[in-house]
PDB file of N, CA and C in Angstrom:
ATOM      1  N   MET A   1      -0.982  -6.111-238.282  1.00  0.00           N
ATOM      2  CA  MET A   1       0.263  -5.433-237.956  1.00  0.00           C
ATOM      3  C   MET A   1       0.054  -3.923-238.086  1.00  0.00           C
ATOM      4  N   GLU A   2       0.525  -3.236-237.129  1.00  0.00           N
ATOM      5  CA  GLU A   2       0.337  -1.781-237.069  1.00  0.00           C
ATOM      6  C   GLU A   2       1.112  -1.037-238.158  1.00  0.00           C
ATOM      7  N   ILE A   3       2.156  -1.634-238.665  1.00  0.00           N
ATOM      8  CA  ILE A   3       3.030  -0.965-239.630  1.00  0.00           C
ATOM      9  C   ILE A   3       2.478  -0.992-241.061  1.00  0.00           C
ATOM     10  N   ILE A   4       1.440  -1.765-241.294  1.00  0.00           N
ATOM     11  CA  ILE A   4       0.922  -1.938-242.651  1.00  0.00           C
ATOM     12  C   ILE A   4      -0.129  -0.882-242.984  1.00  0.00           C
ATOM     13  N   ARG A   5      -0.022  -0.318-244.172  1.00  0.00           N
ATOM     14  CA  ARG A   5      -0.998   0.661-244.676  1.00  0.00           C
ATOM     15  C   ARG A   5      -2.191  -0.113-245.241  1.00  0.00           C
ATOM     16  N   THR A   6      -3.181  -0.324-244.412  1.00  0.00           N
ATOM     17  CA  THR A   6      -4.331  -1.159-244.780  1.00  0.00           C
ATOM     18  C   THR A   6      -5.296  -0.479-245.744  1.00  0.00           C
ATOM     19  N   GLN A   7      -5.120   0.814-245.991  1.00  0.00           N
ATOM     20  CA  GLN A   7      -5.993   1.520-246.919  1.00  0.00           C
ATOM     21  C   GLN A   7      -5.503   1.436-248.365  1.00  0.00           C
ATOM     22  N   GLU A   8      -4.304   0.914-248.565  1.00  0.00           N
ATOM     23  CA  GLU A   8      -3.755   0.771-249.913  1.00  0.00           C
ATOM     24  C   GLU A   8      -4.549  -0.266-250.701  1.00  0.00           C
ATOM     25  N   ALA A   9      -4.791   0.015-251.976  1.00  0.00           N
ATOM     26  CA  ALA A   9      -5.541  -0.898-252.843  1.00  0.00           C
ATOM     27  C   ALA A   9      -4.854  -2.261-252.928  1.00  0.00           C
ATOM     28  N   ASP A  10      -3.520  -2.282-253.026  1.00  0.00           N
ATOM     29  CA  ASP A  10      -2.805  -3.555-253.104  1.00  0.00           C
ATOM     30  C   ASP A  10      -3.048  -4.410-251.867  1.00  0.00           C
ATOM     31  N   TYR A  11      -3.052  -3.780-250.699  1.00  0.00           N
ATOM     32  CA  TYR A  11      -3.310  -4.525-249.472  1.00  0.00           C
ATOM     33  C   TYR A  11      -4.714  -5.129-249.520  1.00  0.00           C
ATOM     34  N   ARG A  12      -5.695  -4.305-249.852  1.00  0.00           N
ATOM     35  CA  ARG A  12      -7.083  -4.777-249.867  1.00  0.00           C
ATOM     36  C   ARG A  12      -7.299  -5.890-250.884  1.00  0.00           C
ATOM     37  N   GLN A  13      -6.643  -5.796-252.025  1.00  0.00           N
ATOM     38  CA  GLN A  13      -6.838  -6.772-253.092  1.00  0.00           C
ATOM     39  C   GLN A  13      -6.062  -8.068-252.880  1.00  0.00           C
ATOM     40  N   LYS A  14      -4.859  -7.976-252.303  1.00  0.00           N
ATOM     41  CA  LYS A  14      -3.984  -9.150-252.243  1.00  0.00           C
ATOM     42  C   LYS A  14      -3.835  -9.781-250.860  1.00  0.00           C
ATOM     43  N   TYR A  15      -3.950  -8.980-249.797  1.00  0.00           N
ATOM     44  CA  TYR A  15      -3.531  -9.472-248.492  1.00  0.00           C
ATOM     45  C   TYR A  15      -4.594  -9.426-247.398  1.00  0.00           C
ATOM     46  N   LYS A  16      -5.595  -8.588-247.536  1.00  0.00           N
ATOM     47  CA  LYS A  16      -6.610  -8.416-246.498  1.00  0.00           C
ATOM     48  C   LYS A  16      -7.309  -9.740-246.195  1.00  0.00           C
ATOM     49  N   GLY A  17      -7.424 -10.038-244.908  1.00  0.00           N
ATOM     50  CA  GLY A  17      -8.134 -11.230-244.469  1.00  0.00           C
ATOM     51  C   GLY A  17      -7.335 -12.515-244.534  1.00  0.00           C
ATOM     52  N   LYS A  18      -6.100 -12.444-245.006  1.00  0.00           N
ATOM     53  CA  LYS A  18      -5.259 -13.631-245.101  1.00  0.00           C
ATOM     54  C   LYS A  18      -4.324 -13.698-243.903  1.00  0.00           C
ATOM     55  N   ASP A  19      -3.941 -14.899-243.548  1.00  0.00           N
ATOM     56  CA  ASP A  19      -3.090 -15.122-242.381  1.00  0.00           C
ATOM     57  C   ASP A  19      -1.660 -15.402-242.832  1.00  0.00           C
ATOM     58  N   PHE A  20      -0.748 -14.475-242.512  1.00  0.00           N
ATOM     59  CA  PHE A  20       0.658 -14.625-242.872  1.00  0.00           C
ATOM     60  C   PHE A  20       1.506 -14.654-241.612  1.00  0.00           C
ATOM     61  N   SER A  21       2.607 -15.389-241.663  1.00  0.00           N
ATOM     62  CA  SER A  21       3.556 -15.396-240.549  1.00  0.00           C
ATOM     63  C   SER A  21       4.351 -14.090-240.573  1.00  0.00           C
ATOM     64  N   GLY A  22       5.099 -13.845-239.520  1.00  0.00           N
ATOM     65  CA  GLY A  22       5.946 -12.660-239.470  1.00  0.00           C
ATOM     66  C   GLY A  22       6.953 -12.633-240.604  1.00  0.00           C
ATOM     67  N   LYS A  23       7.571 -13.780-240.891  1.00  0.00           N
ATOM     68  CA  LYS A  23       8.545 -13.856-241.985  1.00  0.00           C
ATOM     69  C   LYS A  23       7.880 -13.578-243.323  1.00  0.00           C
ATOM     70  N   GLU A  24       6.674 -14.081-243.504  1.00  0.00           N
ATOM     71  CA  GLU A  24       5.954 -13.831-244.752  1.00  0.00           C
ATOM     72  C   GLU A  24       5.640 -12.346-244.908  1.00  0.00           C
ATOM     73  N   TRP A  25       5.239 -11.687-243.809  1.00  0.00           N
ATOM     74  CA  TRP A  25       4.949 -10.254-243.878  1.00  0.00           C
ATOM     75  C   TRP A  25       6.210  -9.468-244.222  1.00  0.00           C
ATOM     76  N   ILE A  26       7.327  -9.857-243.664  1.00  0.00           N
ATOM     77  CA  ILE A  26       8.578  -9.159-243.981  1.00  0.00           C
ATOM     78  C   ILE A  26       8.859  -9.259-245.469  1.00  0.00           C
ATOM     79  N   LYS A  27       8.704 -10.440-246.044  1.00  0.00           N
ATOM     80  CA  LYS A  27       8.922 -10.613-247.485  1.00  0.00           C
ATOM     81  C   LYS A  27       7.943  -9.759-248.283  1.00  0.00           C
ATOM     82  N   ILE A  28       6.678  -9.748-247.882  1.00  0.00           N
ATOM     83  CA  ILE A  28       5.658  -8.945-248.570  1.00  0.00           C
ATOM     84  C   ILE A  28       6.023  -7.467-248.517  1.00  0.00           C
ATOM     85  N   LEU A  29       6.451  -6.980-247.354  1.00  0.00           N
ATOM     86  CA  LEU A  29       6.779  -5.566-247.209  1.00  0.00           C
ATOM     87  C   LEU A  29       8.054  -5.188-247.959  1.00  0.00           C
ATOM     88  N   VAL A  30       9.016  -6.103-248.035  1.00  0.00           N
ATOM     89  CA  VAL A  30      10.227  -5.839-248.820  1.00  0.00           C
ATOM     90  C   VAL A  30       9.867  -5.714-250.297  1.00  0.00           C
ATOM     91  N   GLU A  31       8.956  -6.564-250.748  1.00  0.00           N
ATOM     92  CA  GLU A  31       8.548  -6.551-252.152  1.00  0.00           C
ATOM     93  C   GLU A  31       7.556  -5.425-252.467  1.00  0.00           C
ATOM     94  N   ASN A  32       6.874  -4.899-251.436  1.00  0.00           N
ATOM     95  CA  ASN A  32       5.850  -3.863-251.610  1.00  0.00           C
ATOM     96  C   ASN A  32       6.039  -2.759-250.577  1.00  0.00           C
ATOM     97  N   PRO A  33       7.122  -1.989-250.665  1.00  0.00           N
ATOM     98  CA  PRO A  33       7.401  -0.991-249.625  1.00  0.00           C
ATOM     99  C   PRO A  33       6.322   0.076-249.467  1.00  0.00           C
ATOM    100  N   LYS A  34       5.469   0.274-250.476  1.00  0.00           N
ATOM    101  CA  LYS A  34       4.417   1.282-250.327  1.00  0.00           C
ATOM    102  C   LYS A  34       3.384   0.854-249.285  1.00  0.00           C
ATOM    103  N   LEU A  35       3.428  -0.389-248.856  1.00  0.00           N
ATOM    104  CA  LEU A  35       2.512  -0.862-247.813  1.00  0.00           C
ATOM    105  C   LEU A  35       2.999  -0.522-246.404  1.00  0.00           C
ATOM    106  N   ILE A  36       4.202   0.037-246.293  1.00  0.00           N
ATOM    107  CA  ILE A  36       4.769   0.364-244.981  1.00  0.00           C
ATOM    108  C   ILE A  36       4.380   1.787-244.587  1.00  0.00           C
ATOM    109  N   ARG A  37       3.794   1.911-243.390  1.00  0.00           N
ATOM    110  CA  ARG A  37       3.481   3.255-242.875  1.00  0.00           C
ATOM    111  C   ARG A  37       4.778   3.974-242.555  1.00  0.00           C
ATOM    112  N   ARG A  38       4.773   5.279-242.819  1.00  0.00           N
ATOM    113  CA  ARG A  38       5.958   6.093-242.602  1.00  0.00           C
ATOM    114  C   ARG A  38       5.580   7.390-241.918  1.00  0.00           C
ATOM    115  N   PRO A  39       6.493   8.069-241.324  1.00  0.00           N
ATOM    116  CA  PRO A  39       7.874   7.690-241.073  1.00  0.00           C
ATOM    117  C   PRO A  39       7.978   6.746-239.881  1.00  0.00           C
ATOM    118  N   ILE A  40       9.063   6.026-239.829  1.00  0.00           N
ATOM    119  CA  ILE A  40       9.389   5.198-238.673  1.00  0.00           C
ATOM    120  C   ILE A  40      10.553   5.894-237.984  1.00  0.00           C
ATOM    121  N   ILE A  41      10.387   6.216-236.721  1.00  0.00           N
ATOM    122  CA  ILE A  41      11.404   6.946-235.966  1.00  0.00           C
ATOM    123  C   ILE A  41      12.090   5.961-235.014  1.00  0.00           C
ATOM    124  N   VAL A  42      13.412   5.943-235.070  1.00  0.00           N
ATOM    125  CA  VAL A  42      14.196   5.004-234.272  1.00  0.00           C
ATOM    126  C   VAL A  42      15.049   5.777-233.286  1.00  0.00           C
ATOM    127  N   LYS A  43      15.042   5.309-232.029  1.00  0.00           N
ATOM    128  CA  LYS A  43      15.919   5.866-231.002  1.00  0.00           C
ATOM    129  C   LYS A  43      16.462   4.701-230.187  1.00  0.00           C
ATOM    130  N   ASN A  44      17.763   4.559-230.209  1.00  0.00           N
ATOM    131  CA  ASN A  44      18.434   3.444-229.554  1.00  0.00           C
ATOM    132  C   ASN A  44      17.855   2.123-230.070  1.00  0.00           C
ATOM    133  N   ASP A  45      17.252   1.334-229.197  1.00  0.00           N
ATOM    134  CA  ASP A  45      16.727   0.029-229.619  1.00  0.00           C
ATOM    135  C   ASP A  45      15.202   0.020-229.743  1.00  0.00           C
ATOM    136  N   LYS A  46      14.596   1.206-229.848  1.00  0.00           N
ATOM    137  CA  LYS A  46      13.142   1.306-229.968  1.00  0.00           C
ATOM    138  C   LYS A  46      12.774   2.062-231.237  1.00  0.00           C
ATOM    139  N   ALA A  47      11.602   1.729-231.774  1.00  0.00           N
ATOM    140  CA  ALA A  47      11.105   2.415-232.963  1.00  0.00           C
ATOM    141  C   ALA A  47       9.605   2.621-232.836  1.00  0.00           C
ATOM    142  N   VAL A  48       9.109   3.722-233.401  1.00  0.00           N
ATOM    143  CA  VAL A  48       7.671   4.019-233.400  1.00  0.00           C
ATOM    144  C   VAL A  48       7.279   4.571-234.753  1.00  0.00           C
ATOM    145  N   LEU A  49       5.999   4.488-235.042  1.00  0.00           N
ATOM    146  CA  LEU A  49       5.460   5.120-236.239  1.00  0.00           C
ATOM    147  C   LEU A  49       5.351   6.610-235.962  1.00  0.00           C
ATOM    148  N   GLY A  50       5.901   7.404-236.849  1.00  0.00           N
ATOM    149  CA  GLY A  50       5.956   8.842-236.637  1.00  0.00           C
ATOM    150  C   GLY A  50       4.730   9.597-237.085  1.00  0.00           C
ATOM    151  N   ASP A  51       3.702   8.902-237.553  1.00  0.00           N
ATOM    152  CA  ASP A  51       2.498   9.613-237.986  1.00  0.00           C
ATOM    153  C   ASP A  51       1.507   9.815-236.849  1.00  0.00           C
ATOM    154  N   ILE A  52       1.867   9.353-235.658  1.00  0.00           N
ATOM    155  CA  ILE A  52       1.023   9.545-234.475  1.00  0.00           C
ATOM    156  C   ILE A  52       1.853  10.250-233.405  1.00  0.00           C
ATOM    157  N   VAL A  53       1.457  11.468-233.075  1.00  0.00           N
ATOM    158  CA  VAL A  53       2.235  12.310-232.153  1.00  0.00           C
ATOM    159  C   VAL A  53       2.468  11.615-230.817  1.00  0.00           C
ATOM    160  N   GLN A  54       1.499  10.912-230.303  1.00  0.00           N
ATOM    161  CA  GLN A  54       1.645  10.236-229.013  1.00  0.00           C
ATOM    162  C   GLN A  54       2.764   9.190-229.059  1.00  0.00           C
ATOM    163  N   HIS A  55       2.934   8.533-230.192  1.00  0.00           N
ATOM    164  CA  HIS A  55       4.022   7.556-230.325  1.00  0.00           C
ATOM    165  C   HIS A  55       5.365   8.252-230.239  1.00  0.00           C
ATOM    166  N   ILE A  56       5.483   9.401-230.894  1.00  0.00           N
ATOM    167  CA  ILE A  56       6.735  10.154-230.871  1.00  0.00           C
ATOM    168  C   ILE A  56       7.026  10.629-229.457  1.00  0.00           C
ATOM    169  N   ASP A  57       6.030  11.178-228.786  1.00  0.00           N
ATOM    170  CA  ASP A  57       6.206  11.633-227.406  1.00  0.00           C
ATOM    171  C   ASP A  57       6.658  10.512-226.496  1.00  0.00           C
ATOM    172  N   ALA A  58       6.088   9.325-226.646  1.00  0.00           N
ATOM    173  CA  ALA A  58       6.459   8.181-225.808  1.00  0.00           C
ATOM    174  C   ALA A  58       7.899   7.763-226.064  1.00  0.00           C
ATOM    175  N   LEU A  59       8.368   7.875-227.286  1.00  0.00           N
ATOM    176  CA  LEU A  59       9.737   7.496-227.621  1.00  0.00           C
ATOM    177  C   LEU A  59      10.748   8.491-227.072  1.00  0.00           C
ATOM    178  N   LEU A  60      10.405   9.768-227.170  1.00  0.00           N
ATOM    179  CA  LEU A  60      11.346  10.806-226.758  1.00  0.00           C
ATOM    180  C   LEU A  60      11.249  11.036-225.275  1.00  0.00           C
TER     181      LEU A  60
END
């Protein structure tokens, strides 16, 4: 998933290489918000990761 911070120690130790469903990932991210890449920019019904300029340009 593109939204996950894969460089975080918690991700590498607990989740890397494991297969989780979408619902399972949502639960993991709710319980571990530091694993979510930020910022997330929302416009109408679309959202992009704001740490990549090209994503922001495509949204706007």
